[in-house]
Amino acid sequence: MGDNMNITTAQYITDILSGNNSGVKATIDGQELLVPLDPANRHYAEILKQVEAGTLTIADADELNHPLIFNSLNCRQSINTV
């Protein structure tokens, strides 16, 4: 399935508390997704694959990409995977 992903945009999201990148906002197959920085995540694995192949670049984070929303999604995901 990963080979068929059409990723048209990718941009880092910064955690407002730490200032570190906490995820990637990406348009994949026409849908905007918030992707965690987890190599086991199929979307992130495909993003890394395309970056390595030189077909995709992840843009730097900006101040308008809602890091608090993504941070709360990370918390829920962490709770569900424990």
N, C-alpha and C. Protein backbone atom coordinates (compact mmCIF):
# COMPACT_ATOMS: atom_id res chain seq x y z
N MET A 1 0.82 -1.20 0.00
CA MET A 1 0.00 0.00 0.00
C MET A 1 0.86 1.26 0.00
N GLY A 2 2.01 1.25 0.70
CA GLY A 2 2.86 2.42 0.79
C GLY A 2 3.36 2.90 -0.55
N ASP A 3 3.60 1.97 -1.49
CA ASP A 3 4.11 2.36 -2.80
C ASP A 3 3.10 3.18 -3.59
N ASN A 4 1.84 3.12 -3.23
CA ASN A 4 0.80 3.81 -3.97
C ASN A 4 0.43 5.16 -3.37
N MET A 5 1.09 5.59 -2.31
CA MET A 5 0.74 6.85 -1.66
C MET A 5 1.20 8.03 -2.51
N ASN A 6 0.29 8.95 -2.76
CA ASN A 6 0.60 10.18 -3.48
C ASN A 6 0.73 11.29 -2.44
N ILE A 7 1.95 11.64 -2.10
CA ILE A 7 2.21 12.67 -1.09
C ILE A 7 2.59 13.95 -1.82
N THR A 8 1.73 14.97 -1.73
CA THR A 8 1.96 16.20 -2.48
C THR A 8 2.56 17.31 -1.65
N THR A 9 2.34 17.30 -0.33
CA THR A 9 2.95 18.31 0.55
C THR A 9 3.33 17.65 1.87
N ALA A 10 4.36 18.19 2.49
CA ALA A 10 4.77 17.74 3.82
C ALA A 10 5.44 18.91 4.53
N GLN A 11 5.04 19.14 5.78
CA GLN A 11 5.61 20.23 6.56
C GLN A 11 5.68 19.80 8.02
N TYR A 12 6.83 20.06 8.63
CA TYR A 12 6.98 19.74 10.05
C TYR A 12 6.01 20.56 10.89
N ILE A 13 5.60 19.99 12.00
CA ILE A 13 4.80 20.65 13.03
C ILE A 13 5.66 20.71 14.28
N THR A 14 5.71 21.86 14.92
CA THR A 14 6.53 22.05 16.10
C THR A 14 5.69 21.98 17.37
N ASP A 15 6.17 21.25 18.35
CA ASP A 15 5.54 21.21 19.67
C ASP A 15 5.77 22.56 20.33
N ILE A 16 4.72 23.21 20.74
CA ILE A 16 4.82 24.57 21.28
C ILE A 16 5.60 24.59 22.61
N LEU A 17 5.57 23.51 23.37
CA LEU A 17 6.24 23.48 24.66
C LEU A 17 7.74 23.24 24.52
N SER A 18 8.12 22.29 23.68
CA SER A 18 9.54 21.94 23.56
C SER A 18 10.25 22.68 22.44
N GLY A 19 9.49 23.12 21.43
CA GLY A 19 10.09 23.76 20.27
C GLY A 19 10.66 22.75 19.28
N ASN A 20 10.50 21.46 19.56
CA ASN A 20 11.00 20.41 18.68
C ASN A 20 9.93 19.98 17.68
N ASN A 21 10.36 19.44 16.56
CA ASN A 21 9.41 18.89 15.61
C ASN A 21 8.68 17.73 16.28
N SER A 22 7.34 17.72 16.14
CA SER A 22 6.55 16.67 16.78
C SER A 22 5.74 15.85 15.78
N GLY A 23 5.74 16.25 14.53
CA GLY A 23 4.99 15.52 13.53
C GLY A 23 5.14 16.18 12.18
N VAL A 24 4.40 15.65 11.21
CA VAL A 24 4.40 16.18 9.86
C VAL A 24 2.95 16.36 9.43
N LYS A 25 2.64 17.55 8.95
CA LYS A 25 1.34 17.79 8.32
C LYS A 25 1.56 17.49 6.84
N ALA A 26 0.82 16.51 6.32
CA ALA A 26 1.06 16.07 4.96
C ALA A 26 -0.25 15.90 4.21
N THR A 27 -0.21 16.16 2.91
CA THR A 27 -1.34 15.86 2.05
C THR A 27 -1.01 14.55 1.36
N ILE A 28 -1.76 13.52 1.72
CA ILE A 28 -1.53 12.17 1.21
C ILE A 28 -2.82 11.69 0.56
N ASP A 29 -2.72 11.36 -0.70
CA ASP A 29 -3.89 10.91 -1.48
C ASP A 29 -5.04 11.89 -1.35
N GLY A 30 -4.70 13.20 -1.38
CA GLY A 30 -5.71 14.24 -1.37
C GLY A 30 -6.26 14.60 0.00
N GLN A 31 -5.81 13.94 1.06
CA GLN A 31 -6.28 14.23 2.41
C GLN A 31 -5.16 14.80 3.26
N GLU A 32 -5.48 15.85 4.03
CA GLU A 32 -4.48 16.41 4.93
C GLU A 32 -4.45 15.57 6.21
N LEU A 33 -3.27 15.05 6.52
CA LEU A 33 -3.10 14.20 7.68
C LEU A 33 -2.03 14.76 8.60
N LEU A 34 -2.17 14.48 9.89
CA LEU A 34 -1.13 14.80 10.87
C LEU A 34 -0.44 13.49 11.19
N VAL A 35 0.82 13.40 10.83
CA VAL A 35 1.56 12.15 10.90
C VAL A 35 2.61 12.23 12.01
N PRO A 36 2.58 11.28 12.96
CA PRO A 36 3.59 11.29 14.03
C PRO A 36 4.96 10.90 13.48
N LEU A 37 6.01 11.36 14.17
CA LEU A 37 7.39 11.03 13.78
C LEU A 37 7.74 9.65 14.31
N ASP A 38 7.09 8.66 13.77
CA ASP A 38 7.25 7.28 14.22
C ASP A 38 7.54 6.42 12.99
N PRO A 39 8.75 5.88 12.87
CA PRO A 39 9.09 5.07 11.70
C PRO A 39 8.19 3.86 11.51
N ALA A 40 7.50 3.43 12.57
CA ALA A 40 6.56 2.31 12.45
C ALA A 40 5.24 2.74 11.83
N ASN A 41 4.99 4.05 11.77
CA ASN A 41 3.78 4.58 11.14
C ASN A 41 3.95 4.49 9.63
N ARG A 42 3.01 3.85 8.94
CA ARG A 42 3.16 3.62 7.49
C ARG A 42 3.24 4.92 6.69
N HIS A 43 2.54 5.96 7.13
CA HIS A 43 2.60 7.24 6.42
C HIS A 43 3.97 7.89 6.59
N TYR A 44 4.48 7.89 7.84
CA TYR A 44 5.79 8.48 8.08
C TYR A 44 6.88 7.69 7.37
N ALA A 45 6.76 6.36 7.38
CA ALA A 45 7.75 5.52 6.68
C ALA A 45 7.77 5.86 5.19
N GLU A 46 6.61 6.09 4.59
CA GLU A 46 6.56 6.44 3.17
C GLU A 46 7.11 7.84 2.93
N ILE A 47 6.83 8.78 3.85
CA ILE A 47 7.40 10.13 3.73
C ILE A 47 8.92 10.03 3.73
N LEU A 48 9.49 9.28 4.67
CA LEU A 48 10.95 9.13 4.74
C LEU A 48 11.50 8.48 3.47
N LYS A 49 10.79 7.50 2.96
CA LYS A 49 11.22 6.83 1.74
C LYS A 49 11.27 7.80 0.57
N GLN A 50 10.24 8.64 0.44
CA GLN A 50 10.20 9.60 -0.66
C GLN A 50 11.24 10.71 -0.48
N VAL A 51 11.50 11.12 0.75
CA VAL A 51 12.55 12.10 1.01
C VAL A 51 13.90 11.53 0.61
N GLU A 52 14.16 10.29 0.99
CA GLU A 52 15.43 9.64 0.65
C GLU A 52 15.58 9.50 -0.87
N ALA A 53 14.47 9.25 -1.56
CA ALA A 53 14.51 9.10 -3.02
C ALA A 53 14.63 10.45 -3.73
N GLY A 54 14.48 11.54 -2.98
CA GLY A 54 14.59 12.87 -3.58
C GLY A 54 13.32 13.34 -4.26
N THR A 55 12.20 12.67 -4.02
CA THR A 55 10.94 13.06 -4.66
C THR A 55 10.04 13.89 -3.76
N LEU A 56 10.45 14.08 -2.50
CA LEU A 56 9.66 14.85 -1.54
C LEU A 56 10.60 15.59 -0.61
N THR A 57 10.23 16.80 -0.25
CA THR A 57 10.95 17.60 0.74
C THR A 57 9.98 17.96 1.85
N ILE A 58 10.41 17.84 3.09
CA ILE A 58 9.58 18.25 4.23
C ILE A 58 9.93 19.70 4.55
N ALA A 59 8.96 20.58 4.42
CA ALA A 59 9.16 22.00 4.70
C ALA A 59 9.33 22.22 6.20
N ASP A 60 10.07 23.27 6.54
CA ASP A 60 10.21 23.65 7.95
C ASP A 60 8.85 24.06 8.51
N ALA A 61 8.70 23.93 9.80
CA ALA A 61 7.47 24.32 10.49
C ALA A 61 7.31 25.83 10.45
N ASP A 62 6.05 26.26 10.49
CA ASP A 62 5.79 27.68 10.67
C ASP A 62 4.92 27.85 11.91
N GLU A 63 4.59 29.07 12.24
CA GLU A 63 3.86 29.34 13.48
C GLU A 63 2.37 29.12 13.36
N LEU A 64 1.87 28.82 12.17
CA LEU A 64 0.43 28.73 11.97
C LEU A 64 -0.04 27.29 11.74
N ASN A 65 0.71 26.29 12.18
CA ASN A 65 0.31 24.93 11.88
C ASN A 65 -0.29 24.17 13.08
N HIS A 66 -0.82 24.89 14.05
CA HIS A 66 -1.59 24.33 15.16
C HIS A 66 -0.87 23.24 15.94
N PRO A 67 0.28 23.52 16.53
CA PRO A 67 1.02 22.49 17.26
C PRO A 67 0.28 21.95 18.48
N LEU A 68 -0.56 22.76 19.12
CA LEU A 68 -1.27 22.28 20.30
C LEU A 68 -2.24 21.17 19.93
N ILE A 69 -2.89 21.29 18.78
CA ILE A 69 -3.82 20.25 18.34
C ILE A 69 -3.05 18.96 18.13
N PHE A 70 -1.92 19.02 17.45
CA PHE A 70 -1.15 17.81 17.17
C PHE A 70 -0.62 17.21 18.47
N ASN A 71 -0.19 18.06 19.40
CA ASN A 71 0.33 17.55 20.67
C ASN A 71 -0.75 16.76 21.40
N SER A 72 -2.01 17.24 21.38
CA SER A 72 -3.07 16.50 22.05
C SER A 72 -3.35 15.19 21.33
N LEU A 73 -3.21 15.14 19.99
CA LEU A 73 -3.38 13.89 19.26
C LEU A 73 -2.29 12.90 19.65
N ASN A 74 -1.07 13.38 19.84
CA ASN A 74 0.02 12.51 20.26
C ASN A 74 -0.26 11.90 21.62
N CYS A 75 -0.81 12.70 22.53
CA CYS A 75 -1.10 12.19 23.86
C CYS A 75 -2.12 11.07 23.79
N ARG A 76 -3.19 11.25 23.01
CA ARG A 76 -4.21 10.21 22.87
C ARG A 76 -3.61 8.96 22.25
N GLN A 77 -2.76 9.13 21.24
CA GLN A 77 -2.16 7.99 20.59
C GLN A 77 -1.26 7.22 21.57
N SER A 78 -0.51 7.94 22.36
CA SER A 78 0.39 7.31 23.33
C SER A 78 -0.41 6.50 24.35
N ILE A 79 -1.52 7.04 24.81
CA ILE A 79 -2.36 6.35 25.78
C ILE A 79 -2.93 5.07 25.18
N ASN A 80 -3.33 5.15 23.90
CA ASN A 80 -3.95 3.99 23.26
C ASN A 80 -2.96 2.89 22.94
N THR A 81 -1.67 3.19 22.90
CA THR A 81 -0.68 2.19 22.51
C THR A 81 0.07 1.59 23.69
N VAL A 82 -0.24 2.04 24.91
CA VAL A 82 0.46 1.52 26.10
C VAL A 82 -0.07 0.15 26.46
